[in-house]
Amino acid sequence: MGLPACPPRANLPCIWHSGKSVEIASFSLARTHVTNAEYRIYVEETGAPKPSHIDRPGFNAARQPVIGISWHDATAYCAWLTKKTGQPYRLPRDAEYEYAARGGLAGSIFPWGDALDPRFACFGGQAAPKPVGSYPANGYGLHDMVGNTWAWCSECFEDVSAGVKASNKPTGLDPAGNRVLRGGSYMTCHYLNLWIAYRHEDPPDLRHESIGFRLAL
């Protein structure tokens, strides 16, 4: 994990460690982020609060990823879907996300290779996320593993960051409880945030317009 190494003096809030090997069990990951259409079913059936952008023009298309989702919202969705289907849906783990994002390209910078290329992902301060599946899949058949919307992972940031302390506290919570996010979003302009190796951290109650989620089994 963590390859290639973070460039020296990178202007990033979270500097990643490199070269740690992690053994993970077999798992499945959704091909795309959870969409507005899928999340609307959950809202209708449970009475869960509507995300801030789900009915906003430009963000409300059925196949656009749902955004404005907190970690708590995402885990509640997983619990609902588990009960509904009998399958143990959950958020991906940090190591699972990085492994899946590589698509079989060990050590690559991006899911498609080492050159930043707007033909393969939605990033750079776009007005809104694109419908899921708008860009080519990686080697494992997964879309938007970088760009379009950040995705929550299950762990606390400090549990996987090799000593890097969490510091973000936009909602006032103790940063020690911050969870991992992976992948960058349509709003991401710093190219290092799009590296597969990069992990971010935010409080579990944050509902930001760049954050969504995808499912694991």
C-alpha atoms as a PDB file:
ATOM      1  CA  MET A   1       0.000   0.000   0.000  1.00  0.00           C
ATOM      2  CA  GLY A   2       0.948   3.667  -0.282  1.00  0.00           C
ATOM      3  CA  LEU A   3       2.776   3.418  -3.580  1.00  0.00           C
ATOM      4  CA  PRO A   4       4.159   5.430  -5.233  1.00  0.00           C
ATOM      5  CA  ALA A   5       5.565   7.284  -2.241  1.00  0.00           C
ATOM      6  CA  CYS A   6       4.169  10.696  -1.397  1.00  0.00           C
ATOM      7  CA  PRO A   7       6.309  13.370  -3.063  1.00  0.00           C
ATOM      8  CA  PRO A   8       8.499  15.319  -0.607  1.00  0.00           C
ATOM      9  CA  ARG A   9       7.086  18.618   0.683  1.00  0.00           C
ATOM     10  CA  ALA A  10       3.667  17.812  -0.764  1.00  0.00           C
ATOM     11  CA  ASN A  11       1.097  20.463   0.160  1.00  0.00           C
ATOM     12  CA  LEU A  12      -1.416  17.960   1.498  1.00  0.00           C
ATOM     13  CA  PRO A  13      -3.316  17.679   4.786  1.00  0.00           C
ATOM     14  CA  CYS A  14      -2.650  13.920   4.960  1.00  0.00           C
ATOM     15  CA  ILE A  15       0.766  12.536   3.973  1.00  0.00           C
ATOM     16  CA  TRP A  16       0.651   8.804   3.345  1.00  0.00           C
ATOM     17  CA  HIS A  17       3.126   6.141   4.386  1.00  0.00           C
ATOM     18  CA  SER A  18       4.482   3.694   1.824  1.00  0.00           C
ATOM     19  CA  GLY A  19       5.426   0.085   1.451  1.00  0.00           C
ATOM     20  CA  LYS A  20       3.197  -1.505   4.085  1.00  0.00           C
ATOM     21  CA  SER A  21       1.810  -4.891   3.042  1.00  0.00           C
ATOM     22  CA  VAL A  22      -1.670  -5.810   4.244  1.00  0.00           C
ATOM     23  CA  GLU A  23      -3.305  -9.208   3.777  1.00  0.00           C
ATOM     24  CA  ILE A  24      -7.040  -9.043   3.137  1.00  0.00           C
ATOM     25  CA  ALA A  25      -9.691 -11.699   2.684  1.00  0.00           C
ATOM     26  CA  SER A  26     -11.753 -12.074  -0.473  1.00  0.00           C
ATOM     27  CA  PHE A  27     -14.442  -9.422  -0.839  1.00  0.00           C
ATOM     28  CA  SER A  28     -16.790  -7.856  -3.359  1.00  0.00           C
ATOM     29  CA  LEU A  29     -17.115  -4.178  -4.191  1.00  0.00           C
ATOM     30  CA  ALA A  30     -19.916  -2.392  -6.021  1.00  0.00           C
ATOM     31  CA  ARG A  31     -19.064  -1.360  -9.574  1.00  0.00           C
ATOM     32  CA  THR A  32     -20.256   2.202  -8.853  1.00  0.00           C
ATOM     33  CA  HIS A  33     -21.133   4.542  -6.022  1.00  0.00           C
ATOM     34  CA  VAL A  34     -24.668   4.378  -4.627  1.00  0.00           C
ATOM     35  CA  THR A  35     -26.894   6.488  -6.883  1.00  0.00           C
ATOM     36  CA  ASN A  36     -29.677   8.972  -6.227  1.00  0.00           C
ATOM     37  CA  ALA A  37     -32.215   6.447  -7.516  1.00  0.00           C
ATOM     38  CA  GLU A  38     -31.004   3.775  -5.088  1.00  0.00           C
ATOM     39  CA  TYR A  39     -30.871   6.156  -2.147  1.00  0.00           C
ATOM     40  CA  ARG A  40     -34.379   7.482  -2.852  1.00  0.00           C
ATOM     41  CA  ILE A  41     -35.775   3.984  -2.262  1.00  0.00           C
ATOM     42  CA  TYR A  42     -34.081   3.936   1.121  1.00  0.00           C
ATOM     43  CA  VAL A  43     -35.456   7.382   2.036  1.00  0.00           C
ATOM     44  CA  GLU A  44     -38.992   6.408   0.969  1.00  0.00           C
ATOM     45  CA  GLU A  45     -38.948   3.128   2.879  1.00  0.00           C
ATOM     46  CA  THR A  46     -37.320   4.350   6.095  1.00  0.00           C
ATOM     47  CA  GLY A  47     -38.088   8.052   6.387  1.00  0.00           C
ATOM     48  CA  ALA A  48     -34.370   8.826   6.575  1.00  0.00           C
ATOM     49  CA  PRO A  49     -33.513  12.485   5.922  1.00  0.00           C
ATOM     50  CA  LYS A  50     -33.039  13.488   2.307  1.00  0.00           C
ATOM     51  CA  PRO A  51     -29.475  14.438   1.360  1.00  0.00           C
ATOM     52  CA  SER A  52     -29.023  18.129   0.614  1.00  0.00           C
ATOM     53  CA  HIS A  53     -28.505  17.777  -3.153  1.00  0.00           C
ATOM     54  CA  ILE A  54     -30.738  14.845  -4.086  1.00  0.00           C
ATOM     55  CA  ASP A  55     -33.473  17.120  -5.488  1.00  0.00           C
ATOM     56  CA  ARG A  56     -31.258  20.004  -6.600  1.00  0.00           C
ATOM     57  CA  PRO A  57     -31.175  20.644 -10.369  1.00  0.00           C
ATOM     58  CA  GLY A  58     -27.885  19.511 -11.828  1.00  0.00           C
ATOM     59  CA  PHE A  59     -27.363  16.994  -9.026  1.00  0.00           C
ATOM     60  CA  ASN A  60     -30.665  15.080  -8.999  1.00  0.00           C
ATOM     61  CA  ALA A  61     -30.372  12.714 -11.984  1.00  0.00           C
ATOM     62  CA  ALA A  62     -31.183   9.113 -11.148  1.00  0.00           C
ATOM     63  CA  ARG A  63     -27.746   7.805 -12.155  1.00  0.00           C
ATOM     64  CA  GLN A  64     -25.708  10.518 -10.490  1.00  0.00           C
ATOM     65  CA  PRO A  65     -24.027   9.414  -7.248  1.00  0.00           C
ATOM     66  CA  VAL A  66     -25.857  10.482  -4.125  1.00  0.00           C
ATOM     67  CA  ILE A  67     -23.820  13.128  -2.271  1.00  0.00           C
ATOM     68  CA  GLY A  68     -24.039  14.992   1.017  1.00  0.00           C
ATOM     69  CA  ILE A  69     -23.821  11.662   2.839  1.00  0.00           C
ATOM     70  CA  SER A  70     -22.275  11.330   6.286  1.00  0.00           C
ATOM     71  CA  TRP A  71     -20.502   8.192   7.495  1.00  0.00           C
ATOM     72  CA  HIS A  72     -23.460   7.602   9.789  1.00  0.00           C
ATOM     73  CA  ASP A  73     -25.866   7.905   6.836  1.00  0.00           C
ATOM     74  CA  ALA A  74     -23.805   5.454   4.800  1.00  0.00           C
ATOM     75  CA  THR A  75     -23.603   2.841   7.564  1.00  0.00           C
ATOM     76  CA  ALA A  76     -27.356   3.175   8.214  1.00  0.00           C
ATOM     77  CA  TYR A  77     -27.982   2.510   4.506  1.00  0.00           C
ATOM     78  CA  CYS A  78     -25.781  -0.592   4.704  1.00  0.00           C
ATOM     79  CA  ALA A  79     -27.730  -1.856   7.733  1.00  0.00           C
ATOM     80  CA  TRP A  80     -31.048  -1.279   5.955  1.00  0.00           C
ATOM     81  CA  LEU A  81     -29.916  -3.061   2.803  1.00  0.00           C
ATOM     82  CA  THR A  82     -28.516  -5.948   4.848  1.00  0.00           C
ATOM     83  CA  LYS A  83     -31.879  -6.422   6.557  1.00  0.00           C
ATOM     84  CA  LYS A  84     -33.750  -6.072   3.260  1.00  0.00           C
ATOM     85  CA  THR A  85     -31.634  -8.555   1.279  1.00  0.00           C
ATOM     86  CA  GLY A  86     -30.080 -10.850   3.861  1.00  0.00           C
ATOM     87  CA  GLN A  87     -26.632 -10.016   2.462  1.00  0.00           C
ATOM     88  CA  PRO A  88     -24.022  -8.452   4.804  1.00  0.00           C
ATOM     89  CA  TYR A  89     -23.510  -5.114   3.060  1.00  0.00           C
ATOM     90  CA  ARG A  90     -20.985  -2.728   4.605  1.00  0.00           C
ATOM     91  CA  LEU A  91     -18.547   0.039   3.779  1.00  0.00           C
ATOM     92  CA  PRO A  92     -15.216  -1.022   2.243  1.00  0.00           C
ATOM     93  CA  ARG A  93     -12.142  -1.157   4.415  1.00  0.00           C
ATOM     94  CA  ASP A  94      -9.254   1.165   3.695  1.00  0.00           C
ATOM     95  CA  ALA A  95      -6.958  -1.560   2.333  1.00  0.00           C
ATOM     96  CA  GLU A  96      -9.782  -3.057   0.278  1.00  0.00           C
ATOM     97  CA  TYR A  97     -10.447   0.271  -1.390  1.00  0.00           C
ATOM     98  CA  GLU A  98      -6.811   0.801  -2.348  1.00  0.00           C
ATOM     99  CA  TYR A  99      -6.473  -2.755  -3.657  1.00  0.00           C
ATOM    100  CA  ALA A 100      -9.665  -2.472  -5.706  1.00  0.00           C
ATOM    101  CA  ALA A 101      -8.785   0.965  -7.061  1.00  0.00           C
ATOM    102  CA  ARG A 102      -5.554  -0.369  -8.557  1.00  0.00           C
ATOM    103  CA  GLY A 103      -7.487  -2.768 -10.757  1.00  0.00           C
ATOM    104  CA  GLY A 104      -4.510  -5.107 -10.877  1.00  0.00           C
ATOM    105  CA  LEU A 105      -1.920  -2.420 -11.684  1.00  0.00           C
ATOM    106  CA  ALA A 106       0.420  -2.825  -8.719  1.00  0.00           C
ATOM    107  CA  GLY A 107       2.075   0.449  -7.744  1.00  0.00           C
ATOM    108  CA  SER A 108       0.268   2.615 -10.290  1.00  0.00           C
ATOM    109  CA  ILE A 109      -0.606   6.227  -9.514  1.00  0.00           C
ATOM    110  CA  PHE A 110      -4.147   6.118 -10.940  1.00  0.00           C
ATOM    111  CA  PRO A 111      -6.493   3.223 -11.762  1.00  0.00           C
ATOM    112  CA  TRP A 112      -5.598   3.534 -15.461  1.00  0.00           C
ATOM    113  CA  GLY A 113      -1.845   4.187 -15.155  1.00  0.00           C
ATOM    114  CA  ASP A 114       0.561   6.958 -14.174  1.00  0.00           C
ATOM    115  CA  ALA A 115      -0.620   9.992 -16.188  1.00  0.00           C
ATOM    116  CA  LEU A 116      -3.470  12.207 -14.969  1.00  0.00           C
ATOM    117  CA  ASP A 117      -6.067  12.021 -17.743  1.00  0.00           C
ATOM    118  CA  PRO A 118      -9.538  13.679 -17.774  1.00  0.00           C
ATOM    119  CA  ARG A 119     -10.782  10.973 -20.134  1.00  0.00           C
ATOM    120  CA  PHE A 120     -10.797   8.526 -17.227  1.00  0.00           C
ATOM    121  CA  ALA A 121     -12.255  10.444 -14.268  1.00  0.00           C
ATOM    122  CA  CYS A 122     -14.363  13.447 -13.207  1.00  0.00           C
ATOM    123  CA  PHE A 123     -12.207  15.961 -11.300  1.00  0.00           C
ATOM    124  CA  GLY A 124     -10.743  19.438 -11.519  1.00  0.00           C
ATOM    125  CA  GLY A 125     -13.524  21.588 -10.115  1.00  0.00           C
ATOM    126  CA  GLN A 126     -16.429  20.330 -12.236  1.00  0.00           C
ATOM    127  CA  ALA A 127     -19.896  21.748 -11.617  1.00  0.00           C
ATOM    128  CA  ALA A 128     -21.371  18.426 -10.493  1.00  0.00           C
ATOM    129  CA  PRO A 129     -20.610  14.700 -10.480  1.00  0.00           C
ATOM    130  CA  LYS A 130     -21.243  12.746 -13.665  1.00  0.00           C
ATOM    131  CA  PRO A 131     -23.649   9.798 -13.857  1.00  0.00           C
ATOM    132  CA  VAL A 132     -21.947   6.677 -12.549  1.00  0.00           C
ATOM    133  CA  GLY A 133     -20.272   4.630 -15.248  1.00  0.00           C
ATOM    134  CA  SER A 134     -19.562   7.648 -17.452  1.00  0.00           C
ATOM    135  CA  TYR A 135     -15.855   6.795 -17.538  1.00  0.00           C
ATOM    136  CA  PRO A 136     -14.064   3.536 -18.396  1.00  0.00           C
ATOM    137  CA  ALA A 137     -13.854   0.871 -15.705  1.00  0.00           C
ATOM    138  CA  ASN A 138     -10.535  -0.217 -14.257  1.00  0.00           C
ATOM    139  CA  GLY A 139      -9.094  -3.708 -14.577  1.00  0.00           C
ATOM    140  CA  TYR A 140     -11.553  -5.086 -12.015  1.00  0.00           C
ATOM    141  CA  GLY A 141     -14.606  -3.602 -13.739  1.00  0.00           C
ATOM    142  CA  LEU A 142     -14.991  -0.777 -11.200  1.00  0.00           C
ATOM    143  CA  HIS A 143     -15.931   2.781 -12.187  1.00  0.00           C
ATOM    144  CA  ASP A 144     -14.958   6.091 -10.561  1.00  0.00           C
ATOM    145  CA  MET A 145     -12.505   4.674  -8.040  1.00  0.00           C
ATOM    146  CA  VAL A 146     -10.930   8.129  -8.193  1.00  0.00           C
ATOM    147  CA  GLY A 147     -12.885  11.291  -8.957  1.00  0.00           C
ATOM    148  CA  ASN A 148     -16.649  11.959  -9.086  1.00  0.00           C
ATOM    149  CA  THR A 149     -17.258  11.605  -5.336  1.00  0.00           C
ATOM    150  CA  TRP A 150     -15.275  10.738  -2.224  1.00  0.00           C
ATOM    151  CA  ALA A 151     -16.180   7.375  -0.701  1.00  0.00           C
ATOM    152  CA  TRP A 152     -16.326   6.570   3.014  1.00  0.00           C
ATOM    153  CA  CYS A 153     -14.371   3.613   4.365  1.00  0.00           C
ATOM    154  CA  SER A 154     -15.202   1.789   7.574  1.00  0.00           C
ATOM    155  CA  GLU A 155     -12.169   2.537   9.755  1.00  0.00           C
ATOM    156  CA  CYS A 156     -11.083   5.470  11.824  1.00  0.00           C
ATOM    157  CA  PHE A 157      -8.268   7.329  10.069  1.00  0.00           C
ATOM    158  CA  GLU A 158      -5.799   6.959  12.930  1.00  0.00           C
ATOM    159  CA  ASP A 159      -6.259   3.176  12.941  1.00  0.00           C
ATOM    160  CA  VAL A 160      -4.696   2.892   9.460  1.00  0.00           C
ATOM    161  CA  SER A 161      -2.575   6.033   9.036  1.00  0.00           C
ATOM    162  CA  ALA A 162       0.685   4.737  10.563  1.00  0.00           C
ATOM    163  CA  GLY A 163       0.982   7.549  13.066  1.00  0.00           C
ATOM    164  CA  VAL A 164      -0.422  10.433  10.994  1.00  0.00           C
ATOM    165  CA  LYS A 165      -2.856  12.237  13.289  1.00  0.00           C
ATOM    166  CA  ALA A 166      -6.342  13.239  12.165  1.00  0.00           C
ATOM    167  CA  SER A 167      -6.947  16.975  12.359  1.00  0.00           C
ATOM    168  CA  ASN A 168     -10.108  17.903  10.465  1.00  0.00           C
ATOM    169  CA  LYS A 169     -12.908  19.121  12.736  1.00  0.00           C
ATOM    170  CA  PRO A 170     -15.447  21.058  10.603  1.00  0.00           C
ATOM    171  CA  THR A 171     -18.322  19.781  12.749  1.00  0.00           C
ATOM    172  CA  GLY A 172     -16.525  20.240  16.071  1.00  0.00           C
ATOM    173  CA  LEU A 173     -15.993  16.566  16.936  1.00  0.00           C
ATOM    174  CA  ASP A 174     -12.755  15.156  18.315  1.00  0.00           C
ATOM    175  CA  PRO A 175     -10.634  14.395  15.202  1.00  0.00           C
ATOM    176  CA  ALA A 176      -9.602  11.053  16.723  1.00  0.00           C
ATOM    177  CA  GLY A 177     -12.985   9.732  15.599  1.00  0.00           C
ATOM    178  CA  ASN A 178     -12.564  10.815  11.975  1.00  0.00           C
ATOM    179  CA  ARG A 179     -13.144   8.158   9.352  1.00  0.00           C
ATOM    180  CA  VAL A 180     -11.226   7.403   6.174  1.00  0.00           C
ATOM    181  CA  LEU A 181     -12.312   8.704   2.780  1.00  0.00           C
ATOM    182  CA  ARG A 182     -10.839   7.601  -0.515  1.00  0.00           C
ATOM    183  CA  GLY A 183     -10.847   8.626  -4.145  1.00  0.00           C
ATOM    184  CA  GLY A 184     -11.292  12.393  -4.508  1.00  0.00           C
ATOM    185  CA  SER A 185     -14.301  13.968  -6.225  1.00  0.00           C
ATOM    186  CA  TYR A 186     -15.588  16.178  -9.015  1.00  0.00           C
ATOM    187  CA  MET A 187     -14.426  19.138  -6.917  1.00  0.00           C
ATOM    188  CA  THR A 188     -10.840  17.889  -6.447  1.00  0.00           C
ATOM    189  CA  CYS A 189      -8.205  20.134  -8.006  1.00  0.00           C
ATOM    190  CA  HIS A 190      -5.003  19.002  -6.259  1.00  0.00           C
ATOM    191  CA  TYR A 191      -3.842  16.059  -8.365  1.00  0.00           C
ATOM    192  CA  LEU A 192      -2.226  14.313  -5.388  1.00  0.00           C
ATOM    193  CA  ASN A 193      -5.683  13.895  -3.828  1.00  0.00           C
ATOM    194  CA  LEU A 194      -6.500  11.648  -6.787  1.00  0.00           C
ATOM    195  CA  TRP A 195      -3.586   9.263  -6.262  1.00  0.00           C
ATOM    196  CA  ILE A 196      -4.765   5.790  -5.322  1.00  0.00           C
ATOM    197  CA  ALA A 197      -2.373   5.936  -2.355  1.00  0.00           C
ATOM    198  CA  TYR A 198      -4.000   9.041  -0.832  1.00  0.00           C
ATOM    199  CA  ARG A 199      -6.421   8.736   2.078  1.00  0.00           C
ATOM    200  CA  HIS A 200      -8.372  11.616   3.573  1.00  0.00           C
ATOM    201  CA  GLU A 201     -10.141  12.025   6.922  1.00  0.00           C
ATOM    202  CA  ASP A 202     -13.326  13.714   8.055  1.00  0.00           C
ATOM    203  CA  PRO A 203     -15.745  13.478  10.992  1.00  0.00           C
ATOM    204  CA  PRO A 204     -18.454  10.819  10.675  1.00  0.00           C
ATOM    205  CA  ASP A 205     -21.276  13.364  10.899  1.00  0.00           C
ATOM    206  CA  LEU A 206     -20.009  15.550   8.013  1.00  0.00           C
ATOM    207  CA  ARG A 207     -22.427  15.840   5.076  1.00  0.00           C
ATOM    208  CA  HIS A 208     -20.372  17.480   2.356  1.00  0.00           C
ATOM    209  CA  GLU A 209     -21.455  17.881  -1.244  1.00  0.00           C
ATOM    210  CA  SER A 210     -18.374  16.005  -2.451  1.00  0.00           C
ATOM    211  CA  ILE A 211     -18.933  12.869  -0.342  1.00  0.00           C
ATOM    212  CA  GLY A 212     -20.862   9.727  -1.267  1.00  0.00           C
ATOM    213  CA  PHE A 213     -20.222   6.017  -0.752  1.00  0.00           C
ATOM    214  CA  ARG A 214     -20.107   2.594  -2.351  1.00  0.00           C
ATOM    215  CA  LEU A 215     -20.943  -0.817  -0.976  1.00  0.00           C
ATOM    216  CA  ALA A 216     -18.797  -3.808  -0.103  1.00  0.00           C
ATOM    217  CA  LEU A 217     -19.577  -7.411   0.761  1.00  0.00           C
END
